[in-house]
Amino acid sequence: MIPGVGDVNARKLISYCGGAEAVFREKKKALLKIPGIGESTVNSIVSQNVLIRAEEEIAFIEKYKIKTLFFTDKDYPRRLKHCIDSPVMLYYKGNADLNSDKIISMVGTRRASDYGKEICSKIIEDLSLLKVFVVSGLAYGIDVKAHQAALQFGLETVGVLAHGLDRIYPYSHKAMAEKMINSGGLITDFLSKTNPDRENFPKRNRIIAGLADALIVVESAIKGGALITANIANSYDRDVFAVPGKVTDKWSEGCNFLIKTNKAALIQSAEDVVLMMQWQEKAKGSSIQKKLFEELTPDEELVLNVLKEKDEVSVDYIVLSSQFSNSKIAALLLNLEFKGLVKSLPGKMYKAL
């Protein structure tokens, strides 16, 4: 709340002083010795004018049973903690574990087409078999569709807000937000009484990017929030995926640009996400394999059954057992490998996953 103190300087002050309370007890002379902390900022700290407003916020937090997550708390999202500009404080209304095993963020245009919504829903439906946690921004279009699909398929989902928890924007998503509180939640780094001003949305996008293992972009113009989020995710070394679209489609320009410039990997399905995130090993033995890869050809099924006979199988053994040619077996093994069902080993050996 102190002018001149953002998330980076807040960490610096707390680190030098030994704690949040210690910052306010420190002498002006000592504060001025901290690198990067100027005199105007120090004067604001010493004056302690922000404490009255802070007391008001505490009263709001207690009244509405909001969970506060300070960056040193054990429940603070561990993925976000490692981002240089992550919020020092988060305000959370919900019941989900923000440190879930597998988390994706999904964003896109507010003017989503039926095709975009369908793709969004299908990806989440298939990922539901892995109990993936879904993050988005509760905005119109792809964002709200992602939340809706997550709830529909039994997944926890969190909406990251560009304002305080005393309101919902857009208001038409209030009913959706209330459902999410019981199966995920709402999170923000903004105080109550903060309006959803335009400049707040790029700031909240860093939380959308930082909370997740991977970001999926479904439909986006060449400029806008989705591309900002993708760039932030890249800066955080997150995996970024984009669904391609027609080259003549305005709302696919952003996705196509991310793919073209190697800022996002092209995906067409949940299967692609599972393979690139190497989640198929974690899903071994579950229904995810059957669901995502159920459309095997009879020849692929035959080869897979041969591989399951032993821990490791040679190409020659597969040819002999299947009576297929070497070239056909090579093509079938490659397809099965792409689908995450087969692993290639040294010495022309293969194993079923």
Protein backbone atom coordinates (compact mmCIF):
# COMPACT_ATOMS: atom_id res chain seq x y z
CA MET A 1 0.00 0.00 0.00
CA ILE A 2 3.01 2.32 0.40
CA PRO A 3 3.73 4.52 -2.65
CA GLY A 4 6.94 3.36 -4.33
CA VAL A 5 6.81 -0.12 -2.81
CA GLY A 6 5.82 -2.83 -5.25
CA ASP A 7 6.24 -6.58 -4.94
CA VAL A 8 10.01 -6.51 -5.56
CA ASN A 9 10.80 -3.66 -3.14
CA ALA A 10 8.49 -5.18 -0.52
CA ARG A 11 10.59 -8.35 -0.50
CA LYS A 12 13.75 -6.29 -0.30
CA LEU A 13 12.50 -4.26 2.70
CA ILE A 14 11.29 -7.36 4.55
CA SER A 15 14.57 -9.16 3.86
CA TYR A 16 16.74 -6.28 5.13
CA CYS A 17 14.59 -5.49 8.15
CA GLY A 18 13.80 -9.05 9.18
CA GLY A 19 10.02 -8.97 8.86
CA ALA A 20 6.99 -6.92 7.82
CA GLU A 21 6.46 -5.39 11.26
CA ALA A 22 10.17 -4.60 11.51
CA VAL A 23 9.95 -2.42 8.40
CA PHE A 24 7.65 -0.01 10.25
CA ARG A 25 9.84 -0.02 13.37
CA GLU A 26 13.07 0.68 11.49
CA LYS A 27 14.73 4.08 11.77
CA LYS A 28 14.73 6.37 8.75
CA LYS A 29 18.51 6.44 8.62
CA ALA A 30 18.70 2.65 8.37
CA LEU A 31 15.96 2.48 5.72
CA LEU A 32 17.85 4.95 3.52
CA LYS A 33 20.81 2.54 3.40
CA ILE A 34 18.75 -0.16 1.70
CA PRO A 35 19.69 -0.31 -2.04
CA GLY A 36 16.94 0.97 -4.34
CA ILE A 37 14.82 2.50 -1.59
CA GLY A 38 14.58 6.27 -2.10
CA GLU A 39 13.85 9.06 0.36
CA SER A 40 10.23 9.61 -0.69
CA THR A 41 9.50 5.91 -0.14
CA VAL A 42 11.23 6.00 3.23
CA ASN A 43 9.19 9.05 4.26
CA SER A 44 5.99 7.18 3.38
CA ILE A 45 7.09 4.22 5.49
CA VAL A 46 8.00 6.37 8.49
CA SER A 47 4.76 8.37 8.36
CA GLN A 48 2.73 5.10 8.66
CA ASN A 49 -0.30 6.78 7.07
CA VAL A 50 -1.29 3.52 5.41
CA LEU A 51 -1.97 1.70 8.67
CA ILE A 52 -5.51 3.08 9.09
CA ARG A 53 -6.45 1.79 5.63
CA ALA A 54 -4.77 -1.51 6.46
CA GLU A 55 -6.98 -1.88 9.54
CA GLU A 56 -10.05 -1.38 7.34
CA GLU A 57 -8.85 -4.14 5.04
CA ILE A 58 -8.28 -6.51 7.95
CA ALA A 59 -11.87 -5.90 9.08
CA PHE A 60 -13.10 -6.72 5.55
CA ILE A 61 -10.97 -9.89 5.45
CA GLU A 62 -12.26 -11.10 8.79
CA LYS A 63 -15.90 -10.29 8.03
CA TYR A 64 -15.96 -12.27 4.77
CA LYS A 65 -13.59 -15.04 5.91
CA ILE A 66 -11.04 -14.35 3.20
CA LYS A 67 -7.81 -16.33 3.32
CA THR A 68 -4.64 -14.25 3.14
CA LEU A 69 -1.54 -15.79 1.61
CA PHE A 70 1.68 -13.95 2.47
CA PHE A 71 4.65 -14.93 0.31
CA THR A 72 6.37 -16.67 3.25
CA ASP A 73 3.28 -18.76 4.15
CA LYS A 74 3.44 -22.52 3.49
CA ASP A 75 0.13 -22.39 1.57
CA TYR A 76 1.35 -19.66 -0.80
CA PRO A 77 1.36 -21.09 -4.39
CA ARG A 78 4.84 -22.55 -4.80
CA ARG A 79 4.88 -22.10 -8.57
CA LEU A 80 4.10 -18.40 -8.21
CA LYS A 81 6.62 -17.90 -5.40
CA HIS A 82 9.53 -18.43 -7.81
CA CYS A 83 8.42 -15.60 -10.13
CA ILE A 84 10.40 -12.41 -9.59
CA ASP A 85 7.36 -10.12 -9.54
CA SER A 86 4.90 -12.44 -7.77
CA PRO A 87 2.53 -10.74 -5.31
CA VAL A 88 3.72 -10.36 -1.73
CA MET A 89 0.11 -10.88 -0.59
CA LEU A 90 -2.77 -12.77 -2.13
CA TYR A 91 -6.43 -12.67 -1.07
CA TYR A 92 -8.24 -15.95 -1.62
CA LYS A 93 -11.88 -16.99 -1.29
CA GLY A 94 -12.20 -20.71 -1.90
CA ASN A 95 -11.31 -24.19 -0.76
CA ALA A 96 -8.88 -25.62 -3.35
CA ASP A 97 -5.22 -26.50 -3.02
CA LEU A 98 -3.30 -23.90 -5.00
CA ASN A 99 -0.34 -26.29 -4.99
CA SER A 100 -2.18 -29.08 -6.80
CA ASP A 101 -0.15 -31.64 -8.71
CA LYS A 102 -1.14 -30.54 -12.24
CA ILE A 103 -2.33 -27.00 -13.01
CA ILE A 104 -3.12 -25.42 -16.38
CA SER A 105 -4.16 -21.89 -17.19
CA MET A 106 -6.43 -21.32 -20.19
CA VAL A 107 -6.97 -17.91 -21.81
CA GLY A 108 -8.22 -16.44 -25.05
CA THR A 109 -10.34 -13.80 -26.69
CA ARG A 110 -13.45 -12.32 -25.10
CA ARG A 111 -15.13 -12.74 -28.51
CA ALA A 112 -14.79 -16.50 -28.66
CA SER A 113 -16.37 -18.34 -31.58
CA ASP A 114 -18.43 -21.50 -31.20
CA TYR A 115 -15.40 -23.39 -32.50
CA GLY A 116 -13.13 -21.84 -29.84
CA LYS A 117 -15.58 -22.66 -27.06
CA GLU A 118 -15.95 -26.23 -28.34
CA ILE A 119 -12.17 -26.78 -28.45
CA CYS A 120 -11.78 -25.24 -24.98
CA SER A 121 -14.44 -27.53 -23.53
CA LYS A 122 -13.10 -30.65 -25.28
CA ILE A 123 -9.55 -30.13 -24.03
CA ILE A 124 -10.73 -29.67 -20.46
CA GLU A 125 -13.10 -32.65 -20.70
CA ASP A 126 -10.24 -34.94 -21.70
CA LEU A 127 -7.83 -33.47 -19.14
CA SER A 128 -10.45 -34.06 -16.44
CA LEU A 129 -9.33 -37.69 -16.35
CA LEU A 130 -6.05 -36.44 -14.88
CA LYS A 131 -7.82 -34.23 -12.33
CA VAL A 132 -6.11 -31.14 -13.73
CA PHE A 133 -6.69 -27.86 -11.87
CA VAL A 134 -7.91 -25.05 -14.19
CA VAL A 135 -7.00 -21.36 -13.84
CA SER A 136 -8.41 -18.45 -15.87
CA GLY A 137 -9.53 -14.84 -15.52
CA LEU A 138 -13.37 -15.05 -15.29
CA ALA A 139 -13.64 -12.72 -18.32
CA TYR A 140 -16.06 -13.10 -21.22
CA GLY A 141 -15.31 -15.65 -23.93
CA ILE A 142 -12.68 -18.35 -23.47
CA ASP A 143 -12.04 -17.52 -19.78
CA VAL A 144 -15.57 -18.14 -18.55
CA LYS A 145 -15.92 -21.16 -20.86
CA ALA A 146 -12.83 -22.68 -19.25
CA HIS A 147 -14.33 -22.22 -15.77
CA GLN A 148 -17.69 -23.56 -16.92
CA ALA A 149 -16.14 -26.66 -18.51
CA ALA A 150 -14.04 -27.32 -15.42
CA LEU A 151 -17.11 -27.28 -13.20
CA GLN A 152 -19.07 -29.38 -15.69
CA PHE A 153 -16.41 -32.11 -15.72
CA GLY A 154 -15.75 -32.12 -12.00
CA LEU A 155 -12.51 -30.13 -11.86
CA GLU A 156 -11.47 -27.44 -9.41
CA THR A 157 -11.07 -24.01 -10.99
CA VAL A 158 -9.83 -20.63 -9.79
CA GLY A 159 -10.60 -17.22 -11.27
CA VAL A 160 -7.91 -14.56 -10.99
CA LEU A 161 -9.49 -11.12 -10.55
CA ALA A 162 -8.28 -7.66 -11.58
CA HIS A 163 -10.04 -6.03 -8.61
CA GLY A 164 -10.84 -6.67 -4.95
CA LEU A 165 -13.00 -9.49 -3.59
CA ASP A 166 -15.82 -7.09 -2.72
CA ARG A 167 -17.21 -7.32 -6.28
CA ILE A 168 -17.43 -9.51 -9.37
CA TYR A 169 -16.60 -8.21 -12.83
CA PRO A 170 -18.29 -8.75 -15.15
CA TYR A 171 -21.33 -8.87 -12.89
CA SER A 172 -23.08 -11.34 -15.20
CA HIS A 173 -20.55 -13.97 -14.04
CA LYS A 174 -21.57 -13.64 -10.38
CA ALA A 175 -23.50 -16.94 -10.34
CA MET A 176 -20.52 -18.71 -11.90
CA ALA A 177 -18.19 -17.15 -9.33
CA GLU A 178 -20.35 -18.39 -6.47
CA LYS A 179 -20.18 -21.96 -7.81
CA MET A 180 -16.42 -21.68 -8.15
CA ILE A 181 -15.98 -20.74 -4.49
CA ASN A 182 -17.25 -24.21 -3.59
CA SER A 183 -15.06 -25.95 -6.16
CA GLY A 184 -11.91 -23.87 -6.48
CA GLY A 185 -12.25 -20.19 -5.74
CA LEU A 186 -11.41 -16.60 -6.55
CA ILE A 187 -8.01 -15.01 -6.00
CA THR A 188 -6.52 -11.53 -6.33
CA ASP A 189 -3.68 -9.36 -5.12
CA PHE A 190 -5.88 -6.24 -5.12
CA LEU A 191 -7.45 -4.75 -2.00
CA SER A 192 -11.18 -4.33 -1.60
CA LYS A 193 -12.60 -1.14 -3.12
CA THR A 194 -10.27 -1.56 -6.11
CA ASN A 195 -12.09 -0.98 -9.39
CA PRO A 196 -11.51 -3.27 -12.41
CA ASP A 197 -9.52 -0.56 -14.18
CA ARG A 198 -7.88 -1.29 -17.54
CA GLU A 199 -4.32 -1.22 -16.16
CA ASN A 200 -5.13 -3.90 -13.58
CA PHE A 201 -5.74 -6.66 -16.12
CA PRO A 202 -2.14 -7.01 -17.41
CA LYS A 203 -1.01 -7.07 -13.78
CA ARG A 204 -3.38 -9.89 -12.85
CA ASN A 205 -2.21 -11.83 -15.94
CA ARG A 206 1.12 -12.53 -14.23
CA ILE A 207 -0.79 -14.51 -11.59
CA ILE A 208 -2.66 -16.50 -14.27
CA ALA A 209 0.70 -17.35 -15.87
CA GLY A 210 2.57 -18.00 -12.64
CA LEU A 211 0.04 -20.25 -10.91
CA ALA A 212 0.21 -22.96 -13.58
CA ASP A 213 2.57 -25.55 -15.04
CA ALA A 214 1.40 -24.62 -18.54
CA LEU A 215 -0.64 -21.97 -20.34
CA ILE A 216 -3.06 -22.84 -23.16
CA VAL A 217 -4.19 -20.08 -25.55
CA VAL A 218 -7.42 -20.73 -27.46
CA GLU A 219 -8.29 -17.99 -29.98
CA SER A 220 -6.63 -14.60 -29.66
CA ALA A 221 -6.20 -11.49 -31.74
CA ILE A 222 -2.67 -10.31 -32.54
CA LYS A 223 -2.89 -7.92 -29.56
CA GLY A 224 -4.61 -8.36 -26.23
CA GLY A 225 -4.53 -9.93 -22.81
CA ALA A 226 -4.00 -13.49 -23.98
CA LEU A 227 -0.76 -12.61 -25.76
CA ILE A 228 0.41 -10.56 -22.77
CA THR A 229 -0.20 -13.60 -20.57
CA ALA A 230 1.66 -15.84 -23.03
CA ASN A 231 4.68 -13.52 -23.01
CA ILE A 232 4.68 -13.47 -19.21
CA ALA A 233 4.42 -17.27 -19.11
CA ASN A 234 7.41 -17.50 -21.44
CA SER A 235 9.40 -15.19 -19.16
CA TYR A 236 8.56 -17.53 -16.25
CA ASP A 237 9.78 -20.55 -18.28
CA ARG A 238 6.30 -22.04 -18.37
CA ASP A 239 5.18 -24.32 -21.17
CA VAL A 240 2.92 -22.37 -23.54
CA PHE A 241 0.53 -24.05 -25.97
CA ALA A 242 -1.69 -22.53 -28.66
CA VAL A 243 -4.56 -23.90 -30.72
CA PRO A 244 -4.05 -22.92 -34.40
CA GLY A 245 -6.73 -21.35 -36.56
CA LYS A 246 -7.37 -20.10 -40.08
CA VAL A 247 -4.79 -17.63 -41.37
CA THR A 248 -7.66 -15.35 -42.43
CA ASP A 249 -9.32 -15.40 -39.01
CA LYS A 250 -8.71 -12.29 -36.90
CA TRP A 251 -9.26 -14.20 -33.66
CA SER A 252 -6.62 -16.78 -34.59
CA GLU A 253 -3.87 -14.33 -35.53
CA GLY A 254 -2.48 -14.30 -32.00
CA CYS A 255 -2.32 -18.09 -31.67
CA ASN A 256 -0.79 -18.49 -35.13
CA PHE A 257 1.78 -15.79 -34.31
CA LEU A 258 2.80 -17.52 -31.06
CA ILE A 259 3.29 -20.79 -32.95
CA LYS A 260 5.11 -19.13 -35.86
CA THR A 261 7.56 -17.33 -33.55
CA ASN A 262 8.18 -20.43 -31.40
CA LYS A 263 6.60 -18.80 -28.36
CA ALA A 264 4.03 -21.58 -28.13
CA ALA A 265 3.78 -25.22 -29.17
CA LEU A 266 0.95 -26.16 -31.51
CA ILE A 267 -1.71 -28.36 -29.93
CA GLN A 268 -4.89 -29.84 -31.34
CA SER A 269 -6.10 -31.85 -28.37
CA ALA A 270 -5.59 -32.77 -24.73
CA GLU A 271 -3.50 -35.67 -25.98
CA ASP A 272 -0.88 -33.18 -27.20
CA VAL A 273 -0.80 -31.46 -23.80
CA VAL A 274 -0.40 -34.77 -21.97
CA LEU A 275 2.48 -35.84 -24.22
CA MET A 276 4.36 -32.54 -24.10
CA MET A 277 3.96 -32.21 -20.33
CA GLN A 278 5.01 -35.88 -19.97
CA TRP A 279 1.94 -36.54 -17.85
CA GLN A 280 1.27 -39.89 -19.55
CA GLU A 281 3.64 -41.69 -17.15
CA LYS A 282 1.70 -40.28 -14.20
CA ALA A 283 -1.49 -41.42 -15.84
CA LYS A 284 -0.29 -44.96 -16.44
CA GLY A 285 -2.86 -47.51 -15.34
CA SER A 286 -5.69 -44.97 -15.27
CA SER A 287 -8.53 -44.40 -17.70
CA ILE A 288 -6.68 -41.46 -19.31
CA GLN A 289 -4.85 -43.88 -21.63
CA LYS A 290 -8.08 -45.53 -22.72
CA LYS A 291 -9.92 -42.24 -23.14
CA LEU A 292 -7.31 -40.22 -25.02
CA PHE A 293 -5.99 -43.03 -27.18
CA GLU A 294 -9.05 -45.16 -27.66
CA GLU A 295 -9.10 -44.63 -31.45
CA LEU A 296 -6.39 -47.17 -32.31
CA THR A 297 -6.49 -48.98 -35.61
CA PRO A 298 -6.74 -52.80 -35.51
CA ASP A 299 -3.09 -53.00 -36.66
CA GLU A 300 -1.95 -50.64 -33.88
CA GLU A 301 -3.88 -52.70 -31.33
CA LEU A 302 -2.25 -55.89 -32.59
CA VAL A 303 1.27 -54.42 -32.27
CA LEU A 304 0.49 -53.02 -28.82
CA ASN A 305 -0.72 -56.41 -27.64
CA VAL A 306 2.53 -58.00 -28.85
CA LEU A 307 4.52 -55.43 -26.90
CA LYS A 308 2.55 -56.17 -23.76
CA GLU A 309 3.64 -59.81 -23.83
CA LYS A 310 7.12 -58.92 -22.49
CA ASP A 311 8.85 -56.02 -20.73
CA GLU A 312 10.99 -55.33 -23.80
CA VAL A 313 10.41 -56.55 -27.36
CA SER A 314 12.64 -56.45 -30.43
CA VAL A 315 11.46 -55.22 -33.82
CA ASP A 316 12.20 -58.67 -35.29
CA TYR A 317 9.93 -60.31 -32.72
CA ILE A 318 7.11 -57.87 -33.53
CA VAL A 319 7.50 -58.56 -37.29
CA LEU A 320 7.46 -62.32 -36.68
CA SER A 321 4.43 -62.19 -34.37
CA SER A 322 2.36 -59.80 -36.47
CA GLN A 323 3.36 -61.04 -39.94
CA PHE A 324 3.65 -57.38 -41.04
CA SER A 325 6.51 -56.02 -43.12
CA ASN A 326 9.42 -54.16 -41.51
CA SER A 327 8.35 -50.85 -43.04
CA LYS A 328 4.77 -51.23 -41.80
CA ILE A 329 5.94 -52.11 -38.28
CA ALA A 330 8.21 -49.05 -38.26
CA ALA A 331 5.27 -46.80 -39.18
CA LEU A 332 2.97 -48.40 -36.59
CA LEU A 333 5.59 -48.09 -33.82
CA LEU A 334 6.13 -44.45 -34.69
CA ASN A 335 2.40 -43.72 -34.45
CA LEU A 336 2.16 -45.53 -31.11
CA GLU A 337 5.18 -43.62 -29.84
CA PHE A 338 3.55 -40.31 -30.80
CA LYS A 339 0.48 -41.38 -28.84
CA GLY A 340 2.57 -42.00 -25.75
CA LEU A 341 1.81 -45.73 -25.65
CA VAL A 342 5.22 -47.05 -26.69
CA LYS A 343 8.80 -46.17 -25.78
CA SER A 344 11.80 -46.71 -28.06
CA LEU A 345 14.85 -48.32 -26.39
CA PRO A 346 18.48 -48.82 -27.53
CA GLY A 347 19.17 -51.76 -29.83
CA LYS A 348 15.88 -51.57 -31.74
CA MET A 349 13.94 -52.61 -28.66
CA TYR A 350 10.53 -51.27 -27.64
CA LYS A 351 8.31 -51.41 -24.58
CA ALA A 352 4.65 -50.65 -23.92
CA LEU A 353 3.98 -47.82 -21.45
